[in-house]
Amino acid sequence: MSIGKRAGINFRLLSASVLLIAGVTFTLGFIGVSITQNFMHQKFADRIQFLAKYLALNAEVGVLIGDRAGLKILALNLLGEEDVARVVILDNQNNLLVDLDREVSGPLSNVEMPVVFKKSGDENILFEPASGISNAPDPMKQDSIGKVQITYSTHGIDVLMIKISTQYIVAAAVLTALAFAIFYYISRPIIHEMSDLAGVARRIGQGYSLLRANPGRIPETRDLAVAFNSMLDSLDRSKEALNSANRKMMHQRILAEAGKFSLIIAHEFKNPLGIIKSSMDILKKDFDIEKDNILVSYVEDEIRRLNRLIEDFLMFARPVDPKFRDTDLNFMVKDICERFVLIYPEPTVSFNLNISDQPFNAEIDQDLLTRCITNILKNACEASGDKGQIFVDTAVMDGSWILRISDEGEGIPETELIKIFEPFFTTKSKGTGLGLSFASQVAESHGGSIEASNHENGGAVFEIRIPGYNSI
């Protein structure tokens, strides 16, 4: 993989900024230096041209009379200029009148200017008014009597341009470094937050699904992190919903298999048990067995216990098909508790009822829900032993009727709370493990729920929640 493909966005931004700023500054510097150099060369050439014209005007008389000493003074004065390297004055026959020079660094250039004789009374150009020395005399009144040649050096201009170029380069380098620092300062937090977001996504992909991205301080990356977190939350909710649906499907499948098994067992035992019961009645009648015969009472007790087990199997096996009708739930619970008070009189079990006198009506199957509540109350009485209190409370919350039944027994081990509503799960030596499973089916068939927990002071707590009219 090439470096370009592996380079991150930070490197790309910094490289682009450096190349852009450096390109712009160096291009502008090169153009500026070139313009400045041309301008200075032009101005310097104009200045030397002026000096040559000035020397030609003042050398007119000297050339005319052949005054070499005077011309030499003029040449020496001109050589006093810093960049003048050589001054030559010739007559119209190209006879050398003056030739003075000195050592000056190159490169060198030449300017030549004719020495003219004014036939009229023209005065020295230094004494002319505003028309100045730049105004050319009338050519009809002038004759060339010689010429001056000036050799000059542009070394000073070149040295100055090198200094200016150096300053341009330094300024461009400083601007480039400043641009690099500014872009780095701006891009660093962006890259840092983007890297954090990528790191969180990578770790979530490795299994850390509870991680969430830090929102950060930059508005755009903060919005991105919030959207990313919202997407993860949505995925978690969808995953939980899918798992819940799978668990319900698995639970329903187990219930269906358990119901089928229970139905087979119940039918296999019901007919033989009926024959045993009928045979026992015939034997009692034929042999005139007394009603208080202990052995016969043992047999009849076991027949009744087996019959209850078969009824439990059949009840669990049949699909719960509620027949709804309008019912006052508070009144129904009071009636059930009154029956239990008769079955478990004090001091065996004490019932503490906190049931509202206000009716709470809902569409329920009274027979099924009565069996459901009866199963729980019966378990509570058995858990309380010979002496204990049963607390029955009702309340209304969020449009749902809530029945809470608690006892003072030993409670439910924490490891068994999640299995207590599964079919055939029981901690009793004579239980079938179908009572609470049936109660759970009934609550769900009414659109409600049933939960089990332990009271902080000991004892089990069962809570049944049935939705009212407004909650269905």
Protein backbone atom coordinates (compact mmCIF):
# COMPACT_ATOMS: atom_id res chain seq x y z
CA MET A 1 0.00 0.00 0.00
CA SER A 2 1.43 3.40 -0.95
CA ILE A 3 2.11 6.15 1.58
CA GLY A 4 -0.66 8.26 0.04
CA LYS A 5 -3.24 5.56 0.68
CA ARG A 6 -2.02 4.98 4.24
CA ALA A 7 -1.85 8.70 5.10
CA GLY A 8 -4.49 9.88 7.54
CA ILE A 9 -6.72 12.90 7.15
CA ASN A 10 -4.49 14.91 9.51
CA PHE A 11 -1.40 14.30 7.35
CA ARG A 12 -3.38 15.09 4.20
CA LEU A 13 -4.74 18.34 5.63
CA LEU A 14 -1.36 19.47 6.85
CA SER A 15 0.35 18.52 3.59
CA ALA A 16 -2.28 20.32 1.53
CA SER A 17 -2.07 23.43 3.69
CA VAL A 18 1.72 23.51 3.56
CA LEU A 19 1.83 22.97 -0.21
CA LEU A 20 -0.88 25.57 -0.81
CA ILE A 21 0.59 28.27 1.42
CA ALA A 22 4.15 27.56 0.27
CA GLY A 23 3.12 27.57 -3.39
CA VAL A 24 1.20 30.83 -3.09
CA THR A 25 3.84 32.67 -1.07
CA PHE A 26 6.79 31.52 -3.20
CA THR A 27 4.93 32.30 -6.44
CA LEU A 28 3.96 35.76 -5.22
CA GLY A 29 7.52 36.27 -3.95
CA PHE A 30 9.03 35.27 -7.27
CA ILE A 31 6.68 37.56 -9.20
CA GLY A 32 7.33 40.45 -6.77
CA VAL A 33 11.10 40.02 -6.92
CA SER A 34 11.05 39.90 -10.73
CA ILE A 35 8.93 43.06 -10.98
CA THR A 36 11.13 44.85 -8.45
CA GLN A 37 14.31 43.78 -10.24
CA ASN A 38 13.06 44.99 -13.64
CA PHE A 39 11.89 48.25 -12.13
CA MET A 40 15.20 48.90 -10.41
CA HIS A 41 17.23 48.05 -13.52
CA GLN A 42 15.08 50.42 -15.57
CA LYS A 43 15.39 53.22 -13.06
CA PHE A 44 19.15 52.67 -12.76
CA ALA A 45 19.53 52.73 -16.56
CA ASP A 46 17.54 55.97 -16.70
CA ARG A 47 19.84 57.47 -14.07
CA ILE A 48 23.00 56.51 -15.98
CA GLN A 49 21.38 57.85 -19.17
CA PHE A 50 20.79 61.13 -17.35
CA LEU A 51 24.40 61.27 -16.17
CA ALA A 52 25.62 60.58 -19.71
CA LYS A 53 23.47 63.35 -21.11
CA TYR A 54 24.65 65.66 -18.32
CA LEU A 55 28.31 64.84 -19.14
CA ALA A 56 27.73 65.37 -22.90
CA LEU A 57 26.22 68.80 -22.31
CA ASN A 58 29.03 69.92 -20.01
CA ALA A 59 31.73 68.43 -22.26
CA GLU A 60 30.58 70.45 -25.31
CA VAL A 61 33.10 73.25 -24.90
CA GLY A 62 35.94 70.95 -23.80
CA VAL A 63 35.48 68.70 -26.82
CA LEU A 64 35.17 71.72 -29.11
CA ILE A 65 38.48 73.23 -27.97
CA GLY A 66 40.21 69.94 -27.08
CA ASP A 67 40.47 70.76 -23.35
CA ARG A 68 41.58 67.35 -22.05
CA ALA A 69 42.22 68.62 -18.52
CA GLY A 70 38.69 70.03 -18.19
CA LEU A 71 37.22 66.90 -19.66
CA LYS A 72 39.25 64.77 -17.25
CA ILE A 73 37.82 66.71 -14.28
CA LEU A 74 34.32 66.04 -15.60
CA ALA A 75 35.15 62.34 -16.01
CA LEU A 76 36.63 62.15 -12.50
CA ASN A 77 33.52 63.74 -11.07
CA LEU A 78 31.41 61.13 -12.83
CA LEU A 79 33.65 58.29 -11.64
CA GLY A 80 32.77 59.41 -8.12
CA GLU A 81 29.40 57.79 -8.68
CA GLU A 82 29.39 54.41 -6.96
CA ASP A 83 28.46 52.20 -9.91
CA VAL A 84 30.33 53.98 -12.73
CA ALA A 85 33.30 51.88 -13.90
CA ARG A 86 34.67 53.77 -16.91
CA VAL A 87 34.22 57.14 -18.62
CA VAL A 88 35.39 57.72 -22.21
CA ILE A 89 35.12 60.98 -24.18
CA LEU A 90 35.84 60.99 -27.96
CA ASP A 91 35.76 63.72 -30.58
CA ASN A 92 33.90 63.41 -33.83
CA GLN A 93 36.98 61.68 -35.34
CA ASN A 94 36.84 59.08 -32.55
CA ASN A 95 40.06 60.46 -31.13
CA LEU A 96 40.32 59.53 -27.50
CA LEU A 97 40.21 62.67 -25.34
CA VAL A 98 39.62 61.06 -21.92
CA ASP A 99 39.57 57.47 -20.79
CA LEU A 100 39.34 56.91 -17.06
CA ASP A 101 38.22 53.76 -15.26
CA ARG A 102 38.30 51.96 -11.92
CA GLU A 103 37.71 48.45 -10.54
CA VAL A 104 34.03 47.75 -10.11
CA SER A 105 32.36 44.34 -9.76
CA GLY A 106 30.31 43.19 -12.74
CA PRO A 107 28.16 42.68 -14.63
CA LEU A 108 28.85 45.78 -16.73
CA SER A 109 26.71 47.74 -19.22
CA ASN A 110 27.44 50.67 -21.57
CA VAL A 111 25.66 53.92 -22.36
CA GLU A 112 26.71 56.21 -25.19
CA MET A 113 25.61 59.79 -25.67
CA PRO A 114 26.63 62.24 -28.46
CA VAL A 115 28.25 65.61 -27.67
CA VAL A 116 26.47 68.24 -29.79
CA PHE A 117 27.37 71.85 -30.62
CA LYS A 118 24.56 74.39 -30.27
CA LYS A 119 24.64 76.95 -33.02
CA SER A 120 22.14 79.28 -31.29
CA GLY A 121 22.51 80.82 -27.91
CA ASP A 122 21.25 77.84 -26.07
CA GLU A 123 22.35 77.79 -22.45
CA ASN A 124 23.43 75.02 -20.26
CA ILE A 125 20.58 72.76 -19.55
CA LEU A 126 21.06 73.33 -15.81
CA PHE A 127 19.87 76.91 -16.30
CA GLU A 128 16.84 76.08 -18.35
CA PRO A 129 13.45 76.65 -16.77
CA ALA A 130 10.68 74.09 -16.32
CA SER A 131 11.28 72.56 -19.74
CA GLY A 132 14.28 70.84 -18.05
CA ILE A 133 17.14 68.92 -19.50
CA SER A 134 14.91 66.22 -20.78
CA ASN A 135 13.62 68.48 -23.56
CA ALA A 136 15.59 67.71 -26.70
CA PRO A 137 17.13 70.71 -28.54
CA ASP A 138 16.13 71.50 -32.03
CA PRO A 139 18.02 69.05 -34.27
CA MET A 140 18.32 71.68 -36.99
CA LYS A 141 20.53 73.74 -34.64
CA GLN A 142 22.84 70.91 -33.45
CA ASP A 143 25.99 69.20 -34.85
CA SER A 144 27.69 66.19 -33.28
CA ILE A 145 31.24 67.08 -32.25
CA GLY A 146 31.98 63.91 -30.26
CA LYS A 147 30.53 61.37 -27.86
CA VAL A 148 30.76 60.14 -24.32
CA GLN A 149 30.67 56.49 -23.23
CA ILE A 150 29.89 55.38 -19.69
CA THR A 151 30.40 51.86 -18.49
CA TYR A 152 28.51 51.06 -15.32
CA SER A 153 27.91 48.05 -13.09
CA THR A 154 24.57 46.60 -11.88
CA HIS A 155 26.32 44.64 -9.14
CA GLY A 156 24.73 46.81 -6.45
CA ILE A 157 21.25 46.08 -7.83
CA ASP A 158 21.99 42.36 -7.93
CA VAL A 159 23.23 42.38 -4.33
CA LEU A 160 20.12 44.28 -3.27
CA MET A 161 17.87 41.83 -5.14
CA ILE A 162 19.60 38.90 -3.42
CA LYS A 163 18.83 40.50 -0.06
CA ILE A 164 15.23 41.13 -1.08
CA SER A 165 14.88 37.54 -2.38
CA THR A 166 16.31 36.19 0.86
CA GLN A 167 13.82 38.23 2.85
CA TYR A 168 10.98 36.96 0.63
CA ILE A 169 12.09 33.36 1.19
CA VAL A 170 12.31 33.84 4.94
CA ALA A 171 8.88 35.50 5.00
CA ALA A 172 7.41 32.67 2.89
CA ALA A 173 8.95 30.06 5.18
CA VAL A 174 7.58 31.85 8.25
CA LEU A 175 4.10 32.06 6.65
CA THR A 176 4.25 28.37 5.74
CA ALA A 177 5.29 27.42 9.27
CA LEU A 178 2.56 29.64 10.69
CA ALA A 179 -0.02 28.06 8.38
CA PHE A 180 1.21 24.60 9.42
CA ALA A 181 0.83 25.52 13.10
CA ILE A 182 -2.67 26.99 12.58
CA PHE A 183 -3.90 24.01 10.56
CA TYR A 184 -2.39 21.62 13.09
CA TYR A 185 -4.08 23.49 15.95
CA ILE A 186 -7.45 23.39 14.13
CA SER A 187 -7.27 19.84 12.80
CA ARG A 188 -5.81 18.17 15.90
CA PRO A 189 -9.03 18.14 18.04
CA ILE A 190 -11.06 17.05 14.99
CA ILE A 191 -8.72 14.16 14.27
CA HIS A 192 -8.52 13.29 17.97
CA GLU A 193 -12.31 13.05 18.33
CA MET A 194 -12.65 11.15 15.05
CA SER A 195 -9.97 8.71 16.22
CA ASP A 196 -11.81 8.25 19.54
CA LEU A 197 -15.04 7.54 17.67
CA ALA A 198 -13.28 5.02 15.42
CA GLY A 199 -11.69 3.40 18.49
CA VAL A 200 -15.08 3.04 20.20
CA ALA A 201 -16.56 1.51 17.03
CA ARG A 202 -13.62 -0.92 16.83
CA ARG A 203 -14.01 -1.99 20.49
CA ILE A 204 -17.77 -2.40 20.07
CA GLY A 205 -17.01 -4.66 17.12
CA GLN A 206 -14.78 -6.70 19.46
CA GLY A 207 -17.71 -7.30 21.79
CA TYR A 208 -17.79 -4.31 24.16
CA SER A 209 -21.38 -3.47 23.22
CA LEU A 210 -22.00 -1.26 26.27
CA LEU A 211 -19.35 1.29 25.23
CA ARG A 212 -20.54 4.67 24.02
CA ALA A 213 -18.70 7.46 22.20
CA ASN A 214 -17.65 10.63 24.01
CA PRO A 215 -19.69 13.54 22.53
CA GLY A 216 -16.60 15.79 22.41
CA ARG A 217 -16.47 19.58 22.14
CA ILE A 218 -16.77 20.22 18.39
CA PRO A 219 -20.43 20.59 17.30
CA GLU A 220 -20.10 18.42 14.17
CA THR A 221 -18.27 15.55 15.90
CA ARG A 222 -20.60 15.88 18.89
CA ASP A 223 -23.63 15.44 16.59
CA LEU A 224 -21.89 12.48 14.96
CA ALA A 225 -21.16 10.86 18.35
CA VAL A 226 -24.73 11.43 19.55
CA ALA A 227 -26.11 9.88 16.35
CA PHE A 228 -23.67 6.97 16.71
CA ASN A 229 -24.75 6.39 20.33
CA SER A 230 -28.43 6.60 19.34
CA MET A 231 -27.83 3.99 16.66
CA LEU A 232 -26.16 1.69 19.24
CA ASP A 233 -29.04 2.20 21.69
CA SER A 234 -31.52 1.36 18.95
CA LEU A 235 -29.54 -1.77 18.05
CA ASP A 236 -29.47 -2.81 21.71
CA ARG A 237 -33.23 -2.35 22.00
CA SER A 238 -33.79 -4.34 18.83
CA LYS A 239 -31.43 -7.06 20.05
CA GLU A 240 -33.19 -7.22 23.43
CA ALA A 241 -36.60 -7.34 21.71
CA LEU A 242 -35.37 -10.17 19.48
CA ASN A 243 -33.95 -12.08 22.45
CA SER A 244 -37.18 -11.56 24.37
CA ALA A 245 -39.21 -12.83 21.42
CA ASN A 246 -36.93 -15.87 21.14
CA ARG A 247 -37.26 -16.56 24.86
CA LYS A 248 -41.05 -16.32 24.64
CA MET A 249 -41.10 -18.62 21.63
CA MET A 250 -38.88 -21.11 23.44
CA HIS A 251 -41.06 -20.85 26.55
CA GLN A 252 -44.22 -21.40 24.52
CA ARG A 253 -42.64 -24.39 22.83
CA ILE A 254 -41.69 -25.89 26.20
CA LEU A 255 -45.19 -25.25 27.53
CA ALA A 256 -46.73 -26.88 24.46
CA GLU A 257 -44.54 -29.98 24.85
CA ALA A 258 -45.18 -30.11 28.58
CA GLY A 259 -48.93 -29.74 28.01
CA LYS A 260 -48.90 -32.54 25.45
CA PHE A 261 -47.00 -34.76 27.87
CA SER A 262 -49.36 -33.86 30.72
CA LEU A 263 -52.40 -34.63 28.60
CA ILE A 264 -51.06 -38.08 27.70
CA ILE A 265 -50.21 -38.88 31.34
CA ALA A 266 -53.60 -37.67 32.59
CA HIS A 267 -55.56 -39.78 30.10
CA GLU A 268 -53.41 -42.85 30.76
CA PHE A 269 -54.02 -42.60 34.53
CA LYS A 270 -57.60 -41.34 34.60
CA ASN A 271 -59.33 -44.50 33.33
CA PRO A 272 -57.44 -46.97 35.61
CA LEU A 273 -58.03 -44.61 38.54
CA GLY A 274 -61.78 -44.57 37.77
CA ILE A 275 -61.81 -48.37 37.71
CA ILE A 276 -59.98 -48.51 41.04
CA LYS A 277 -62.46 -46.04 42.59
CA SER A 278 -65.48 -47.99 41.31
CA SER A 279 -64.00 -51.31 42.46
CA MET A 280 -63.32 -49.86 45.88
CA ASP A 281 -66.93 -48.69 46.22
CA ILE A 282 -68.20 -52.20 45.20
CA LEU A 283 -65.91 -53.91 47.71
CA LYS A 284 -67.06 -51.60 50.50
CA LYS A 285 -70.67 -52.38 49.67
CA ASP A 286 -70.26 -56.17 49.13
CA PHE A 287 -68.16 -56.77 52.22
CA ASP A 288 -70.00 -54.19 54.32
CA ILE A 289 -66.77 -52.40 55.26
CA GLU A 290 -67.21 -49.72 57.87
CA LYS A 291 -66.65 -46.09 56.85
CA ASP A 292 -64.01 -45.50 59.54
CA ASN A 293 -61.86 -48.40 58.41
CA ILE A 294 -58.33 -47.02 58.45
CA LEU A 295 -56.97 -49.04 55.53
CA VAL A 296 -59.91 -48.13 53.32
CA SER A 297 -59.53 -44.43 54.26
CA TYR A 298 -55.84 -44.61 53.27
CA VAL A 299 -56.80 -46.04 49.87
CA GLU A 300 -59.51 -43.41 49.31
CA ASP A 301 -57.12 -40.57 50.34
CA GLU A 302 -54.52 -41.73 47.83
CA ILE A 303 -57.22 -42.08 45.13
CA ARG A 304 -58.31 -38.46 45.79
CA ARG A 305 -54.67 -37.23 45.72
CA LEU A 306 -54.06 -39.00 42.42
CA ASN A 307 -57.27 -37.52 41.05
CA ARG A 308 -56.14 -33.99 42.02
CA LEU A 309 -52.82 -34.58 40.28
CA ILE A 310 -54.62 -35.71 37.14
CA GLU A 311 -56.88 -32.64 37.32
CA ASP A 312 -53.80 -30.44 37.61
CA PHE A 313 -52.23 -32.12 34.57
CA LEU A 314 -55.43 -31.68 32.56
CA MET A 315 -55.83 -28.05 33.58
CA PHE A 316 -52.25 -27.27 32.57
CA ALA A 317 -52.53 -29.22 29.33
CA ARG A 318 -55.66 -27.47 28.10
CA PRO A 319 -55.01 -24.20 26.23
CA VAL A 320 -56.03 -21.22 28.32
CA ASP A 321 -59.03 -19.76 26.53
CA PRO A 322 -60.45 -17.02 28.79
CA LYS A 323 -64.15 -16.12 28.66
CA PHE A 324 -64.04 -12.45 29.51
CA ARG A 325 -66.75 -10.60 31.35
CA ASP A 326 -66.91 -7.44 33.41
CA THR A 327 -65.82 -8.19 37.00
CA ASP A 328 -64.98 -6.19 40.14
CA LEU A 329 -61.49 -7.47 40.97
CA ASN A 330 -61.42 -6.08 44.54
CA PHE A 331 -64.70 -7.81 45.37
CA MET A 332 -63.45 -11.05 43.82
CA VAL A 333 -60.25 -11.03 45.93
CA LYS A 334 -62.22 -10.35 49.11
CA ASP A 335 -64.45 -13.33 48.36
CA ILE A 336 -61.43 -15.60 47.76
CA CYS A 337 -59.75 -14.47 51.00
CA GLU A 338 -62.93 -15.08 53.02
CA ARG A 339 -62.97 -18.67 51.76
CA PHE A 340 -59.32 -19.10 52.78
CA VAL A 341 -60.07 -17.70 56.25
CA LEU A 342 -62.53 -20.54 56.67
CA ILE A 343 -60.04 -23.14 55.36
CA TYR A 344 -57.10 -21.78 57.44
CA PRO A 345 -58.68 -20.38 60.62
CA GLU A 346 -56.61 -18.49 63.20
CA PRO A 347 -54.26 -19.02 64.85
CA THR A 348 -53.01 -21.29 62.07
CA VAL A 349 -52.74 -18.44 59.60
CA SER A 350 -53.64 -14.80 60.07
CA PHE A 351 -54.82 -12.82 57.03
CA ASN A 352 -54.08 -9.09 56.88
CA LEU A 353 -56.21 -7.63 54.12
CA ASN A 354 -55.66 -4.19 52.64
CA ILE A 355 -58.16 -4.34 49.80
CA SER A 356 -59.76 -1.16 48.50
CA ASP A 357 -63.50 -0.72 48.97
CA GLN A 358 -63.63 1.08 45.65
CA PRO A 359 -64.52 -1.28 42.80
CA PHE A 360 -62.02 -1.82 39.99
CA ASN A 361 -63.73 -3.43 37.05
CA ALA A 362 -61.97 -5.21 34.23
CA GLU A 363 -62.78 -7.74 31.51
CA ILE A 364 -61.50 -11.05 32.99
CA ASP A 365 -62.27 -14.75 33.15
CA GLN A 366 -63.27 -14.93 36.81
CA ASP A 367 -62.88 -18.70 37.04
CA LEU A 368 -59.33 -18.72 35.64
CA LEU A 369 -58.17 -15.73 37.66
CA THR A 370 -59.70 -17.20 40.83
CA ARG A 371 -57.70 -20.40 40.30
CA CYS A 372 -54.58 -18.32 39.66
CA ILE A 373 -54.99 -16.34 42.93
CA THR A 374 -55.99 -19.45 44.81
CA ASN A 375 -52.80 -21.23 43.80
CA ILE A 376 -50.68 -18.37 45.12
CA LEU A 377 -52.65 -18.01 48.35
CA LYS A 378 -52.42 -21.74 48.92
CA ASN A 379 -48.63 -21.64 48.45
CA ALA A 380 -48.43 -18.70 50.87
CA CYS A 381 -50.43 -20.57 53.53
CA GLU A 382 -48.27 -23.66 53.13
CA ALA A 383 -45.09 -21.56 53.32
CA SER A 384 -46.30 -19.90 56.54
CA GLY A 385 -46.53 -23.27 58.32
CA ASP A 386 -48.55 -23.61 61.46
CA LYS A 387 -48.37 -19.96 62.35
CA GLY A 388 -47.81 -16.96 60.19
CA GLN A 389 -49.36 -13.94 58.54
CA ILE A 390 -50.52 -13.53 54.95
CA PHE A 391 -50.63 -9.97 53.62
CA VAL A 392 -53.00 -9.24 50.76
CA ASP A 393 -52.85 -5.72 49.27
CA THR A 394 -54.44 -4.24 46.17
CA ALA A 395 -53.58 -0.99 44.41
CA VAL A 396 -54.07 0.77 41.10
CA MET A 397 -51.10 2.11 39.16
CA ASP A 398 -50.97 3.40 35.59
CA GLY A 399 -54.43 2.03 34.88
CA SER A 400 -53.54 -1.49 36.06
CA TRP A 401 -54.88 -3.40 39.04
CA ILE A 402 -52.12 -4.79 41.25
CA LEU A 403 -52.55 -7.62 43.72
CA ARG A 404 -49.64 -8.24 46.10
CA ILE A 405 -49.59 -11.42 48.25
CA SER A 406 -46.75 -11.88 50.74
CA ASP A 407 -46.05 -14.37 53.48
CA GLU A 408 -43.65 -14.81 56.37
CA GLY A 409 -42.11 -18.05 55.15
CA GLU A 410 -38.49 -18.72 54.24
CA GLY A 411 -38.78 -16.98 50.90
CA ILE A 412 -37.49 -18.18 47.53
CA PRO A 413 -33.77 -18.81 46.91
CA GLU A 414 -32.39 -16.22 44.49
CA THR A 415 -31.23 -18.94 42.10
CA GLU A 416 -34.80 -20.29 41.83
CA LEU A 417 -36.60 -17.00 41.23
CA ILE A 418 -36.06 -17.17 37.47
CA LYS A 419 -37.28 -20.81 37.29
CA ILE A 420 -40.24 -20.67 39.64
CA PHE A 421 -42.82 -20.19 36.85
CA GLU A 422 -41.42 -22.98 34.68
CA PRO A 423 -43.63 -26.09 34.43
CA PHE A 424 -42.80 -29.00 36.74
CA PHE A 425 -40.43 -26.89 38.81
CA THR A 426 -41.25 -27.38 42.51
CA THR A 427 -39.51 -27.48 45.87
CA LYS A 428 -42.32 -29.48 47.48
CA SER A 429 -42.10 -33.24 47.97
CA LYS A 430 -45.72 -33.73 46.84
CA GLY A 431 -46.12 -30.86 44.39
CA THR A 432 -46.50 -31.17 40.62
CA GLY A 433 -44.80 -27.86 39.81
CA LEU A 434 -47.74 -26.80 37.65
CA GLY A 435 -49.61 -24.38 39.94
CA LEU A 436 -47.41 -21.30 39.44
CA SER A 437 -46.88 -22.13 35.77
CA PHE A 438 -50.67 -22.21 35.35
CA ALA A 439 -50.97 -18.90 37.26
CA SER A 440 -48.43 -17.32 34.90
CA GLN A 441 -50.38 -18.54 31.86
CA VAL A 442 -53.59 -17.06 33.25
CA ALA A 443 -52.01 -13.65 33.98
CA GLU A 444 -50.49 -13.48 30.48
CA SER A 445 -53.80 -14.52 28.88
CA HIS A 446 -55.33 -11.40 30.52
CA GLY A 447 -52.59 -9.15 29.11
CA GLY A 448 -51.01 -8.91 32.56
CA SER A 449 -48.03 -10.35 34.36
CA ILE A 450 -46.96 -12.08 37.53
CA GLU A 451 -43.66 -11.61 39.35
CA ALA A 452 -42.06 -13.24 42.36
CA SER A 453 -39.55 -11.70 44.76
CA ASN A 454 -38.43 -11.80 48.38
CA HIS A 455 -39.45 -9.31 51.04
CA GLU A 456 -36.57 -7.48 52.71
CA ASN A 457 -37.81 -8.77 56.10
CA GLY A 458 -38.17 -12.33 54.83
CA GLY A 459 -40.91 -14.22 53.05
CA ALA A 460 -41.99 -14.45 49.42
CA VAL A 461 -43.90 -11.73 47.56
CA PHE A 462 -46.05 -12.41 44.48
CA GLU A 463 -47.41 -9.51 42.46
CA ILE A 464 -50.13 -9.94 39.85
CA ARG A 465 -50.78 -7.05 37.46
CA ILE A 466 -54.00 -6.99 35.41
CA PRO A 467 -54.65 -4.06 33.03
CA GLY A 468 -57.90 -2.14 33.35
CA TYR A 469 -60.12 -0.85 30.56
CA ASN A 470 -57.93 2.09 29.76
CA SER A 471 -54.75 0.02 29.61
CA ILE A 472 -55.88 -2.76 27.33
